[in-house]
């Protein structure tokens, strides 16, 4: 199929989109608050794939490459909207993703959108407040420390433990919600 793509075969490109659209959309939607952003980025993923397919290593798998493009687009998105302070959800997802095993990529947006807020609710009040101040309000650790009456080091440890608790919660709940997908 790679050679067909390189020759500009539209049917092969349409097949790549058909086979991977749901997974890539789910990956993006799980990390974005607005479904319109996920729709736009989905189109951009396949456009970038089409434009860069000449560089594609034919020994690689297409889906991981598409998810890599999506991940890069999310990072660009975070940089672009950081000035507007709208990155809480996406940035938290990307940070959690960096500590999750590679096979923990979620493809079902409904699960992650439902599970992450539940996991956030399970955090203690200080951890929840620290996560909210850091990701939603873009406070620095020192400012969060003043707000919570803790040292900056204590806040750093609190944030680390909160992210770990979120990671554990997400791993437990996603594995419980996806029986038979542990290949």
Protein backbone atom coordinates (compact mmCIF):
# COMPACT_ATOMS: atom_id res chain seq x y z
CA UNK A 1 0.00 0.00 0.00
CA UNK A 2 2.91 2.37 0.70
CA UNK A 3 4.05 2.21 -2.91
CA UNK A 4 0.50 2.92 -4.05
CA UNK A 5 0.42 5.96 -1.76
CA UNK A 6 3.74 7.21 -3.10
CA UNK A 7 2.39 6.94 -6.64
CA UNK A 8 -0.51 9.17 -5.61
CA UNK A 9 -3.17 6.46 -5.64
CA UNK A 10 -6.28 8.17 -4.25
CA UNK A 11 -7.99 4.88 -3.44
CA UNK A 12 -5.04 3.84 -1.23
CA UNK A 13 -5.13 7.21 0.55
CA UNK A 14 -8.91 6.90 1.05
CA UNK A 15 -8.33 3.43 2.52
CA UNK A 16 -5.75 4.82 4.99
CA UNK A 17 -8.28 7.44 6.08
CA UNK A 18 -11.09 4.90 6.37
CA UNK A 19 -9.00 2.47 8.45
CA UNK A 20 -7.53 5.09 10.80
CA UNK A 21 -10.05 7.92 11.02
CA UNK A 22 -11.84 6.68 14.13
CA UNK A 23 -8.66 5.92 16.07
CA UNK A 24 -7.01 9.25 15.25
CA UNK A 25 -10.21 11.17 15.97
CA UNK A 26 -10.64 9.35 19.29
CA UNK A 27 -7.06 10.11 20.24
CA UNK A 28 -7.54 13.82 19.46
CA UNK A 29 -11.03 14.12 20.95
CA UNK A 30 -9.91 12.57 24.22
CA UNK A 31 -7.35 15.34 24.61
CA UNK A 32 -9.37 18.35 23.48
CA UNK A 33 -12.35 20.00 25.12
CA UNK A 34 -13.88 21.18 21.85
CA UNK A 35 -15.03 18.62 19.29
CA UNK A 36 -14.56 21.21 16.54
CA UNK A 37 -10.84 21.36 17.36
CA UNK A 38 -10.62 17.57 17.04
CA UNK A 39 -12.43 17.71 13.67
CA UNK A 40 -10.03 20.38 12.37
CA UNK A 41 -6.96 18.55 13.64
CA UNK A 42 -8.14 15.26 12.16
CA UNK A 43 -8.17 16.86 8.73
CA UNK A 44 -4.74 18.37 9.39
CA UNK A 45 -3.32 14.97 10.42
CA UNK A 46 -4.33 13.39 7.13
CA UNK A 47 -3.18 16.43 5.15
CA UNK A 48 0.25 16.27 6.79
CA UNK A 49 0.35 12.53 6.21
CA UNK A 50 -0.42 13.04 2.53
CA UNK A 51 2.17 15.80 2.14
CA UNK A 52 4.91 13.90 3.95
CA UNK A 53 4.31 10.34 2.76
CA UNK A 54 7.45 10.46 0.60
CA UNK A 55 9.44 10.48 3.87
CA UNK A 56 7.46 7.59 5.32
CA UNK A 57 9.58 4.56 6.19
CA UNK A 58 7.85 1.62 4.55
CA UNK A 59 8.91 -0.66 7.44
CA UNK A 60 6.91 1.47 9.90
CA UNK A 61 3.23 1.08 10.65
CA UNK A 62 0.87 3.77 9.40
CA UNK A 63 -1.29 4.11 12.55
CA UNK A 64 1.59 4.94 14.94
CA UNK A 65 2.87 7.45 12.40
CA UNK A 66 -0.56 9.09 12.20
CA UNK A 67 -0.79 9.19 16.01
CA UNK A 68 2.67 10.78 16.08
CA UNK A 69 1.44 13.48 13.70
CA UNK A 70 -1.62 13.95 15.94
CA UNK A 71 0.59 14.21 19.04
CA UNK A 72 2.74 16.85 17.34
CA UNK A 73 -0.38 18.78 16.34
CA UNK A 74 -1.58 18.70 19.96
CA UNK A 75 1.74 20.10 21.12
CA UNK A 76 1.49 22.86 18.53
CA UNK A 77 -2.08 23.48 19.66
CA UNK A 78 -0.96 23.82 23.29
CA UNK A 79 1.74 26.31 22.29
CA UNK A 80 -0.74 28.28 20.17
CA UNK A 81 -3.48 28.54 22.78
CA UNK A 82 -1.29 28.80 25.87
CA UNK A 83 -1.45 32.56 25.48
CA UNK A 84 -5.21 32.29 25.89
CA UNK A 85 -4.91 29.99 28.95
CA UNK A 86 -7.14 27.27 27.54
CA UNK A 87 -4.74 24.37 27.83
CA UNK A 88 -5.75 22.77 31.10
CA UNK A 89 -7.27 19.57 29.71
CA UNK A 90 -4.94 19.03 26.75
CA UNK A 91 -1.77 19.79 28.70
CA UNK A 92 -2.80 17.46 31.52
CA UNK A 93 -3.55 14.70 29.00
CA UNK A 94 -0.17 15.14 27.34
CA UNK A 95 1.63 15.06 30.70
CA UNK A 96 -0.24 11.95 31.76
CA UNK A 97 0.45 10.35 28.40
CA UNK A 98 4.17 10.87 28.93
CA UNK A 99 4.07 8.61 32.00
CA UNK A 100 1.64 6.01 30.66
CA UNK A 101 2.91 2.95 28.81
CA UNK A 102 2.87 3.25 25.00
CA UNK A 103 0.04 0.74 24.66
CA UNK A 104 -2.25 2.95 26.75
CA UNK A 105 -3.27 5.20 23.85
CA UNK A 106 -6.99 5.66 24.15
CA UNK A 107 -9.01 5.36 21.01
CA UNK A 108 -12.43 5.76 22.60
CA UNK A 109 -12.93 9.46 23.26
CA UNK A 110 -16.10 8.87 25.28
CA UNK A 111 -14.19 6.80 27.84
CA UNK A 112 -11.41 9.28 28.46
CA UNK A 113 -13.77 12.26 28.53
CA UNK A 114 -15.82 10.43 31.15
CA UNK A 115 -12.96 8.87 33.10
CA UNK A 116 -10.53 11.78 33.61
CA UNK A 117 -13.04 14.00 35.47
CA UNK A 118 -14.01 11.01 37.63
CA UNK A 119 -10.35 10.42 38.44
CA UNK A 120 -9.88 14.12 39.21
CA UNK A 121 -12.79 13.92 41.67
CA UNK A 122 -11.04 11.09 43.50
CA UNK A 123 -8.07 13.31 44.32
CA UNK A 124 -7.93 14.99 47.70
CA UNK A 125 -9.04 18.62 47.87
CA UNK A 126 -5.49 20.05 47.97
CA UNK A 127 -4.35 17.94 45.03
CA UNK A 128 -7.45 18.87 43.02
CA UNK A 129 -6.93 22.55 43.79
CA UNK A 130 -3.24 22.38 42.88
CA UNK A 131 -4.02 20.64 39.55
CA UNK A 132 -6.73 23.21 38.82
CA UNK A 133 -4.50 26.18 39.68
CA UNK A 134 -1.63 24.82 37.61
CA UNK A 135 -3.45 23.65 34.49
CA UNK A 136 -6.56 25.79 34.33
CA UNK A 137 -5.33 29.04 35.89
CA UNK A 138 -1.70 28.68 34.76
CA UNK A 139 -0.29 29.49 38.22
CA UNK A 140 3.37 28.85 38.92
CA UNK A 141 4.31 26.42 41.70
CA UNK A 142 5.37 29.25 44.02
CA UNK A 143 1.97 30.95 43.59
CA UNK A 144 0.17 27.67 44.21
CA UNK A 145 2.28 27.23 47.36
CA UNK A 146 1.20 30.62 48.68
CA UNK A 147 -2.45 29.81 47.90
CA UNK A 148 -2.25 26.41 49.63
CA UNK A 149 0.07 27.60 52.44
CA UNK A 150 2.79 25.15 51.41
CA UNK A 151 6.37 25.40 50.24
CA UNK A 152 7.13 25.24 46.53
CA UNK A 153 8.80 21.85 47.09
CA UNK A 154 5.69 20.54 48.85
CA UNK A 155 3.53 21.71 45.94
CA UNK A 156 5.88 20.02 43.45
CA UNK A 157 5.55 16.76 45.40
CA UNK A 158 1.76 17.21 45.67
CA UNK A 159 1.51 17.72 41.90
CA UNK A 160 3.73 14.69 41.23
CA UNK A 161 1.59 12.51 43.48
CA UNK A 162 -1.63 13.87 41.95
CA UNK A 163 -0.44 13.08 38.41
CA UNK A 164 0.62 9.61 39.55
CA UNK A 165 -2.80 9.05 41.15
CA UNK A 166 -4.49 10.20 37.93
CA UNK A 167 -2.26 7.91 35.86
CA UNK A 168 -3.07 4.93 38.10
CA UNK A 169 -6.79 5.71 38.03
CA UNK A 170 -6.81 6.05 34.23
CA UNK A 171 -4.86 2.83 33.75
CA UNK A 172 -7.15 0.92 36.08
CA UNK A 173 -10.37 2.26 34.60
CA UNK A 174 -9.34 2.03 30.94
CA UNK A 175 -8.17 -1.55 31.36
CA UNK A 176 -11.42 -2.37 33.14
CA UNK A 177 -13.46 -0.70 30.38
CA UNK A 178 -11.70 -2.42 27.49
CA UNK A 179 -11.83 -6.20 28.01
CA UNK A 180 -9.93 -8.26 25.51
CA UNK A 181 -7.73 -5.42 24.29
CA UNK A 182 -4.60 -6.32 26.19
CA UNK A 183 -2.72 -7.65 23.13
